[in-house]
Each structure stands twice: as C-alpha cells, then as structure tokens.
Amino acid sequence: MTADVDTFLYNSVIGLSFVLALGFLLVIMSCALYGNWWPLFVVATYVLAPLPNAIFGRCAGREDIMSDYQGGFADAGYFLTGLMIVTGFCLPVVLAHAHVITVPAMIMSISGGLLIYGTIISYSRFFAEDDSF
C-alpha cells in the first residue's frame, strides 16, 4: 500500500511540474513570438503573489485558541495576495488594450498564468498537512 501511495505522489509531482513548466513556456513564448517583452512582467506577480500570505500569516496571532478568526494581519495578507493575482491576470489585458502587446500574446500570457496559478493551488491543496488533531 505504501508503494502505491509513493508512486502516486511521485507521479503527481511530475505532472504538476510539467504543467508549471508549460505555463512558464506559454508566458515566455508570448514574449518571444511577438517580439515584445512586456508580458514578462507578469512573472513578477507570480513570484510575489504568495509572499504577503506567507509573511502576514506568520505575523497573525490568534486571540483565542478555539477561534477560527486569525486577525487583521492574516486578512491583510489575503487581500494583498488576491491583489497580486488579479494584477497577474489584468496586466496583459491592460497592455493589449493600450496596444502595447497583441491580443494573441495576451491570450497566451493569461493561459500561462492560469496554468501557473492552477499548479500552485493544486500543489498547496494536494500536499497540505491536515492541522486537525
């Protein structure tokens, strides 16, 4: 039984890494095919998006051990993370609207972003440790 679980985990990690590489490939190809490197700034939002959640999550102290509410710091981290994710999807749309990049580059960049964010969310949900006792 343990060998089946280990094989499943290894295959899951390999599959997630393939999808993540495909997402970054789409973003890079949206830059390279159309000769405009502006969509590459979206990668900065992919890198910076989890940071507020991680930083503010550590700063959030629980007032009550049995409470589900984590405090204002955790909420601020969630807000900033959501802001970065929305920026990652909206920046290519704004650049295409301003005719800085082409519409196919925008579509490739957004689809690459969907793959990257989907991989990050899948990895965090799939490999999250259960904190309940």
N, C-alpha and C. Protein backbone atom coordinates (compact mmCIF):
# COMPACT_ATOMS: atom_id res chain seq x y z
N MET A 1 0.82 -1.19 0.00
CA MET A 1 0.00 0.00 0.00
C MET A 1 0.87 1.26 0.00
N THR A 2 1.96 1.23 0.73
CA THR A 2 2.84 2.40 0.80
C THR A 2 3.50 2.67 -0.55
N ALA A 3 3.82 1.62 -1.29
CA ALA A 3 4.45 1.80 -2.60
C ALA A 3 3.49 2.46 -3.57
N ASP A 4 2.19 2.13 -3.48
CA ASP A 4 1.21 2.76 -4.34
C ASP A 4 1.05 4.24 -4.03
N VAL A 5 1.08 4.57 -2.75
CA VAL A 5 0.96 5.98 -2.35
C VAL A 5 2.19 6.75 -2.79
N ASP A 6 3.37 6.18 -2.62
CA ASP A 6 4.59 6.85 -3.04
C ASP A 6 4.62 7.05 -4.55
N THR A 7 4.21 6.05 -5.31
CA THR A 7 4.16 6.17 -6.76
C THR A 7 3.18 7.25 -7.17
N PHE A 8 2.03 7.30 -6.50
CA PHE A 8 1.04 8.33 -6.81
C PHE A 8 1.59 9.72 -6.51
N LEU A 9 2.30 9.87 -5.39
CA LEU A 9 2.87 11.18 -5.04
C LEU A 9 3.94 11.59 -6.04
N TYR A 10 4.79 10.65 -6.45
CA TYR A 10 5.82 10.98 -7.43
C TYR A 10 5.21 11.36 -8.77
N ASN A 11 4.20 10.64 -9.20
CA ASN A 11 3.54 10.97 -10.46
C ASN A 11 2.82 12.32 -10.37
N SER A 12 2.27 12.63 -9.21
CA SER A 12 1.61 13.92 -9.02
C SER A 12 2.60 15.07 -9.10
N VAL A 13 3.75 14.90 -8.47
CA VAL A 13 4.77 15.95 -8.52
C VAL A 13 5.29 16.12 -9.94
N ILE A 14 5.49 15.03 -10.65
CA ILE A 14 5.97 15.12 -12.03
C ILE A 14 4.93 15.79 -12.91
N GLY A 15 3.67 15.44 -12.74
CA GLY A 15 2.61 16.07 -13.52
C GLY A 15 2.47 17.55 -13.22
N LEU A 16 2.53 17.92 -11.94
CA LEU A 16 2.43 19.33 -11.58
C LEU A 16 3.62 20.13 -12.10
N SER A 17 4.81 19.55 -12.07
CA SER A 17 5.98 20.26 -12.60
C SER A 17 5.89 20.43 -14.11
N PHE A 18 5.31 19.44 -14.80
CA PHE A 18 5.13 19.57 -16.24
C PHE A 18 4.15 20.70 -16.57
N VAL A 19 3.04 20.77 -15.84
CA VAL A 19 2.06 21.83 -16.08
C VAL A 19 2.65 23.20 -15.74
N LEU A 20 3.43 23.28 -14.68
CA LEU A 20 4.08 24.55 -14.31
C LEU A 20 5.06 24.98 -15.39
N ALA A 21 5.85 24.05 -15.91
CA ALA A 21 6.79 24.39 -16.99
C ALA A 21 6.05 24.81 -18.25
N LEU A 22 4.91 24.17 -18.53
CA LEU A 22 4.12 24.55 -19.69
C LEU A 22 3.55 25.96 -19.53
N GLY A 23 3.14 26.32 -18.31
CA GLY A 23 2.65 27.68 -18.07
C GLY A 23 3.72 28.72 -18.26
N PHE A 24 4.93 28.47 -17.74
CA PHE A 24 6.02 29.42 -17.95
C PHE A 24 6.43 29.47 -19.41
N LEU A 25 6.36 28.33 -20.10
CA LEU A 25 6.67 28.32 -21.53
C LEU A 25 5.69 29.18 -22.31
N LEU A 26 4.41 29.12 -21.96
CA LEU A 26 3.43 29.96 -22.65
C LEU A 26 3.71 31.44 -22.42
N VAL A 27 4.07 31.81 -21.21
CA VAL A 27 4.37 33.22 -20.94
C VAL A 27 5.61 33.67 -21.70
N ILE A 28 6.63 32.85 -21.71
CA ILE A 28 7.86 33.21 -22.42
C ILE A 28 7.62 33.24 -23.93
N MET A 29 6.82 32.29 -24.43
CA MET A 29 6.52 32.28 -25.86
C MET A 29 5.65 33.47 -26.26
N SER A 30 4.80 33.95 -25.35
CA SER A 30 4.01 35.14 -25.66
C SER A 30 4.91 36.35 -25.84
N CYS A 31 6.06 36.33 -25.20
CA CYS A 31 7.03 37.41 -25.37
C CYS A 31 7.85 37.19 -26.63
N ALA A 32 8.36 36.00 -26.81
CA ALA A 32 9.32 35.73 -27.88
C ALA A 32 8.67 35.72 -29.26
N LEU A 33 7.48 35.17 -29.39
CA LEU A 33 6.86 35.07 -30.71
C LEU A 33 6.48 36.42 -31.28
N TYR A 34 6.12 37.34 -30.43
CA TYR A 34 5.63 38.62 -30.92
C TYR A 34 6.63 39.75 -30.72
N GLY A 35 7.83 39.43 -30.28
CA GLY A 35 8.91 40.41 -30.20
C GLY A 35 8.69 41.52 -29.20
N ASN A 36 7.94 41.26 -28.16
CA ASN A 36 7.65 42.27 -27.16
C ASN A 36 7.77 41.61 -25.79
N TRP A 37 8.61 42.16 -24.94
CA TRP A 37 8.92 41.52 -23.67
C TRP A 37 8.10 42.05 -22.50
N TRP A 38 7.10 42.86 -22.76
CA TRP A 38 6.25 43.39 -21.70
C TRP A 38 5.47 42.32 -20.95
N PRO A 39 4.99 41.25 -21.59
CA PRO A 39 4.25 40.24 -20.80
C PRO A 39 5.12 39.52 -19.77
N LEU A 40 6.42 39.66 -19.86
CA LEU A 40 7.30 39.00 -18.90
C LEU A 40 7.19 39.62 -17.51
N PHE A 41 6.67 40.84 -17.41
CA PHE A 41 6.46 41.47 -16.11
C PHE A 41 5.40 40.74 -15.30
N VAL A 42 4.57 39.96 -15.96
CA VAL A 42 3.54 39.19 -15.26
C VAL A 42 4.19 38.14 -14.37
N VAL A 43 5.36 37.66 -14.75
CA VAL A 43 6.05 36.64 -13.96
C VAL A 43 6.40 37.18 -12.56
N ALA A 44 6.64 38.47 -12.47
CA ALA A 44 6.93 39.08 -11.16
C ALA A 44 5.73 38.91 -10.22
N THR A 45 4.52 39.02 -10.76
CA THR A 45 3.35 38.82 -9.91
C THR A 45 3.21 37.36 -9.49
N TYR A 46 3.66 36.42 -10.34
CA TYR A 46 3.61 35.01 -9.94
C TYR A 46 4.55 34.75 -8.79
N VAL A 47 5.69 35.41 -8.80
CA VAL A 47 6.68 35.20 -7.75
C VAL A 47 6.28 35.91 -6.46
N LEU A 48 5.73 37.11 -6.60
CA LEU A 48 5.41 37.92 -5.42
C LEU A 48 4.05 37.61 -4.80
N ALA A 49 3.17 36.91 -5.51
CA ALA A 49 1.81 36.68 -5.01
C ALA A 49 1.76 35.90 -3.70
N PRO A 50 2.52 34.82 -3.51
CA PRO A 50 2.40 34.10 -2.24
C PRO A 50 3.09 34.77 -1.06
N LEU A 51 3.95 35.74 -1.30
CA LEU A 51 4.73 36.34 -0.22
C LEU A 51 3.90 37.04 0.85
N PRO A 52 2.92 37.90 0.50
CA PRO A 52 2.15 38.54 1.58
C PRO A 52 1.39 37.54 2.44
N ASN A 53 0.88 36.50 1.81
CA ASN A 53 0.16 35.48 2.56
C ASN A 53 1.08 34.77 3.54
N ALA A 54 2.30 34.49 3.12
CA ALA A 54 3.24 33.80 3.98
C ALA A 54 3.74 34.71 5.10
N ILE A 55 4.05 35.95 4.77
CA ILE A 55 4.60 36.88 5.76
C ILE A 55 3.54 37.26 6.79
N PHE A 56 2.37 37.68 6.31
CA PHE A 56 1.33 38.11 7.24
C PHE A 56 0.72 36.94 7.99
N GLY A 57 0.76 35.75 7.41
CA GLY A 57 0.26 34.57 8.11
C GLY A 57 1.11 34.24 9.32
N ARG A 58 2.41 34.51 9.24
CA ARG A 58 3.29 34.28 10.40
C ARG A 58 3.10 35.34 11.47
N CYS A 59 2.74 36.56 11.04
CA CYS A 59 2.56 37.64 12.00
C CYS A 59 1.21 37.57 12.71
N ALA A 60 0.26 36.86 12.14
CA ALA A 60 -1.09 36.81 12.71
C ALA A 60 -1.08 35.94 13.95
N GLY A 61 -1.41 36.53 15.06
CA GLY A 61 -1.52 35.78 16.30
C GLY A 61 -2.98 35.54 16.61
N ARG A 62 -3.30 34.38 17.06
CA ARG A 62 -4.69 34.07 17.40
C ARG A 62 -5.00 34.61 18.79
N GLU A 63 -6.13 35.30 18.89
CA GLU A 63 -6.56 35.81 20.18
C GLU A 63 -7.12 34.69 21.05
N ASP A 64 -7.80 33.76 20.41
CA ASP A 64 -8.41 32.65 21.11
C ASP A 64 -8.00 31.36 20.41
N ILE A 65 -7.60 30.38 21.15
CA ILE A 65 -7.10 29.15 20.54
C ILE A 65 -8.21 28.43 19.78
N MET A 66 -9.43 28.48 20.27
CA MET A 66 -10.54 27.77 19.64
C MET A 66 -11.20 28.58 18.53
N SER A 67 -10.77 29.78 18.27
CA SER A 67 -11.39 30.64 17.29
C SER A 67 -10.87 30.34 15.89
N ASP A 68 -11.76 30.46 14.90
CA ASP A 68 -11.35 30.30 13.50
C ASP A 68 -10.84 31.61 12.91
N TYR A 69 -11.12 32.72 13.57
CA TYR A 69 -10.68 34.02 13.08
C TYR A 69 -9.21 34.21 13.39
N GLN A 70 -8.43 34.64 12.38
CA GLN A 70 -6.99 34.75 12.55
C GLN A 70 -6.50 36.17 12.79
N GLY A 71 -7.33 37.15 12.62
CA GLY A 71 -6.92 38.52 12.89
C GLY A 71 -6.72 39.33 11.63
N GLY A 72 -6.41 40.60 11.86
CA GLY A 72 -6.26 41.54 10.75
C GLY A 72 -5.04 41.30 9.89
N PHE A 73 -3.97 40.79 10.48
CA PHE A 73 -2.76 40.56 9.69
C PHE A 73 -2.99 39.50 8.61
N ALA A 74 -3.67 38.43 8.98
CA ALA A 74 -3.95 37.37 8.00
C ALA A 74 -4.88 37.89 6.91
N ASP A 75 -5.86 38.71 7.29
CA ASP A 75 -6.76 39.28 6.30
C ASP A 75 -6.03 40.22 5.36
N ALA A 76 -5.09 41.00 5.87
CA ALA A 76 -4.29 41.88 5.01
C ALA A 76 -3.44 41.06 4.05
N GLY A 77 -2.89 39.95 4.52
CA GLY A 77 -2.11 39.07 3.64
C GLY A 77 -2.97 38.47 2.55
N TYR A 78 -4.19 38.03 2.90
CA TYR A 78 -5.11 37.50 1.89
C TYR A 78 -5.46 38.57 0.86
N PHE A 79 -5.69 39.80 1.33
CA PHE A 79 -6.04 40.89 0.42
C PHE A 79 -4.89 41.19 -0.55
N LEU A 80 -3.67 41.29 -0.03
CA LEU A 80 -2.54 41.60 -0.90
C LEU A 80 -2.23 40.46 -1.87
N THR A 81 -2.42 39.22 -1.43
CA THR A 81 -2.23 38.08 -2.33
C THR A 81 -3.28 38.10 -3.43
N GLY A 82 -4.51 38.38 -3.08
CA GLY A 82 -5.56 38.49 -4.09
C GLY A 82 -5.31 39.63 -5.06
N LEU A 83 -4.80 40.73 -4.55
CA LEU A 83 -4.47 41.87 -5.40
C LEU A 83 -3.38 41.50 -6.41
N MET A 84 -2.38 40.76 -5.97
CA MET A 84 -1.31 40.35 -6.88
C MET A 84 -1.82 39.36 -7.94
N ILE A 85 -2.73 38.48 -7.55
CA ILE A 85 -3.28 37.52 -8.51
C ILE A 85 -4.13 38.23 -9.56
N VAL A 86 -4.95 39.17 -9.11
CA VAL A 86 -5.76 39.94 -10.06
C VAL A 86 -4.85 40.76 -10.99
N THR A 87 -3.78 41.31 -10.44
CA THR A 87 -2.82 42.04 -11.27
C THR A 87 -2.19 41.15 -12.32
N GLY A 88 -1.89 39.91 -11.95
CA GLY A 88 -1.29 38.97 -12.90
C GLY A 88 -2.21 38.67 -14.08
N PHE A 89 -3.51 38.65 -13.84
CA PHE A 89 -4.44 38.40 -14.93
C PHE A 89 -4.82 39.67 -15.70
N CYS A 90 -4.86 40.80 -15.02
CA CYS A 90 -5.32 42.03 -15.67
C CYS A 90 -4.22 42.78 -16.40
N LEU A 91 -2.97 42.60 -16.01
CA LEU A 91 -1.88 43.31 -16.68
C LEU A 91 -1.80 43.01 -18.17
N PRO A 92 -1.90 41.75 -18.61
CA PRO A 92 -1.91 41.52 -20.06
C PRO A 92 -3.11 42.13 -20.77
N VAL A 93 -4.26 42.17 -20.09
CA VAL A 93 -5.44 42.78 -20.69
C VAL A 93 -5.23 44.28 -20.87
N VAL A 94 -4.66 44.92 -19.87
CA VAL A 94 -4.39 46.36 -19.96
C VAL A 94 -3.34 46.65 -21.04
N LEU A 95 -2.31 45.82 -21.10
CA LEU A 95 -1.29 46.01 -22.12
C LEU A 95 -1.85 45.81 -23.53
N ALA A 96 -2.74 44.84 -23.70
CA ALA A 96 -3.36 44.63 -25.01
C ALA A 96 -4.32 45.77 -25.35
N HIS A 97 -5.02 46.28 -24.35
CA HIS A 97 -5.94 47.39 -24.60
C HIS A 97 -5.18 48.65 -25.00
N ALA A 98 -3.99 48.83 -24.46
CA ALA A 98 -3.18 50.00 -24.80
C ALA A 98 -2.35 49.77 -26.06
N HIS A 99 -2.54 48.63 -26.72
CA HIS A 99 -1.83 48.26 -27.95
C HIS A 99 -0.32 48.17 -27.74
N VAL A 100 0.08 47.81 -26.54
CA VAL A 100 1.49 47.56 -26.26
C VAL A 100 1.86 46.14 -26.68
N ILE A 101 0.95 45.19 -26.43
CA ILE A 101 1.13 43.81 -26.88
C ILE A 101 -0.05 43.44 -27.77
N THR A 102 0.08 42.35 -28.49
CA THR A 102 -1.00 41.90 -29.35
C THR A 102 -1.98 41.03 -28.55
N VAL A 103 -3.14 40.83 -29.12
CA VAL A 103 -4.17 40.03 -28.47
C VAL A 103 -3.75 38.56 -28.33
N PRO A 104 -3.11 37.93 -29.35
CA PRO A 104 -2.65 36.56 -29.13
C PRO A 104 -1.60 36.45 -28.01
N ALA A 105 -0.75 37.46 -27.86
CA ALA A 105 0.21 37.46 -26.76
C ALA A 105 -0.51 37.56 -25.42
N MET A 106 -1.59 38.34 -25.40
CA MET A 106 -2.38 38.46 -24.18
C MET A 106 -3.03 37.12 -23.83
N ILE A 107 -3.57 36.44 -24.82
CA ILE A 107 -4.23 35.16 -24.58
C ILE A 107 -3.22 34.13 -24.09
N MET A 108 -2.04 34.10 -24.70
CA MET A 108 -1.01 33.15 -24.27
C MET A 108 -0.54 33.47 -22.85
N SER A 109 -0.40 34.73 -22.54
CA SER A 109 0.06 35.12 -21.21
C SER A 109 -0.98 34.78 -20.14
N ILE A 110 -2.24 35.03 -20.42
CA ILE A 110 -3.29 34.72 -19.45
C ILE A 110 -3.44 33.21 -19.29
N SER A 111 -3.38 32.45 -20.37
CA SER A 111 -3.49 31.00 -20.24
C SER A 111 -2.29 30.42 -19.51
N GLY A 112 -1.10 30.98 -19.73
CA GLY A 112 0.06 30.56 -18.96
C GLY A 112 -0.11 30.89 -17.48
N GLY A 113 -0.68 32.04 -17.19
CA GLY A 113 -0.95 32.41 -15.80
C GLY A 113 -1.96 31.49 -15.15
N LEU A 114 -2.98 31.09 -15.90
CA LEU A 114 -3.95 30.13 -15.36
C LEU A 114 -3.29 28.80 -15.02
N LEU A 115 -2.40 28.35 -15.89
CA LEU A 115 -1.69 27.10 -15.62
C LEU A 115 -0.78 27.22 -14.40
N ILE A 116 -0.08 28.35 -14.30
CA ILE A 116 0.84 28.54 -13.18
C ILE A 116 0.09 28.64 -11.86
N TYR A 117 -0.95 29.48 -11.82
CA TYR A 117 -1.71 29.61 -10.58
C TYR A 117 -2.44 28.32 -10.24
N GLY A 118 -2.96 27.64 -11.25
CA GLY A 118 -3.61 26.35 -11.01
C GLY A 118 -2.66 25.32 -10.43
N THR A 119 -1.41 25.32 -10.91
CA THR A 119 -0.42 24.40 -10.37
C THR A 119 -0.09 24.74 -8.93
N ILE A 120 0.07 26.01 -8.63
CA ILE A 120 0.40 26.42 -7.26
C ILE A 120 -0.73 26.06 -6.31
N ILE A 121 -1.97 26.31 -6.72
CA ILE A 121 -3.11 25.98 -5.87
C ILE A 121 -3.25 24.47 -5.71
N SER A 122 -3.07 23.72 -6.79
CA SER A 122 -3.17 22.26 -6.71
C SER A 122 -2.09 21.69 -5.80
N TYR A 123 -0.89 22.20 -5.93
CA TYR A 123 0.20 21.71 -5.08
C TYR A 123 -0.07 22.01 -3.61
N SER A 124 -0.51 23.23 -3.33
CA SER A 124 -0.75 23.58 -1.93
C SER A 124 -1.93 22.82 -1.34
N ARG A 125 -2.97 22.55 -2.12
CA ARG A 125 -4.12 21.79 -1.62
C ARG A 125 -3.80 20.30 -1.52
N PHE A 126 -3.04 19.80 -2.49
CA PHE A 126 -2.78 18.36 -2.53
C PHE A 126 -1.80 17.93 -1.46
N PHE A 127 -0.79 18.76 -1.20
CA PHE A 127 0.24 18.39 -0.25
C PHE A 127 0.14 19.13 1.08
N ALA A 128 -1.00 19.77 1.34
CA ALA A 128 -1.19 20.47 2.61
C ALA A 128 -1.33 19.45 3.74
N GLU A 129 -0.72 19.76 4.85
CA GLU A 129 -0.84 18.89 6.01
C GLU A 129 -2.11 19.26 6.76
N ASP A 130 -2.79 18.27 7.24
CA ASP A 130 -4.01 18.49 7.99
C ASP A 130 -3.64 18.88 9.42
N ASP A 131 -4.09 20.06 9.87
CA ASP A 131 -3.75 20.55 11.19
C ASP A 131 -4.71 20.08 12.27
N SER A 132 -5.77 19.39 11.89
CA SER A 132 -6.73 18.94 12.90
C SER A 132 -6.16 17.73 13.65
N PHE A 133 -6.47 17.67 14.91
CA PHE A 133 -5.93 16.58 15.75
C PHE A 133 -6.98 15.53 15.98
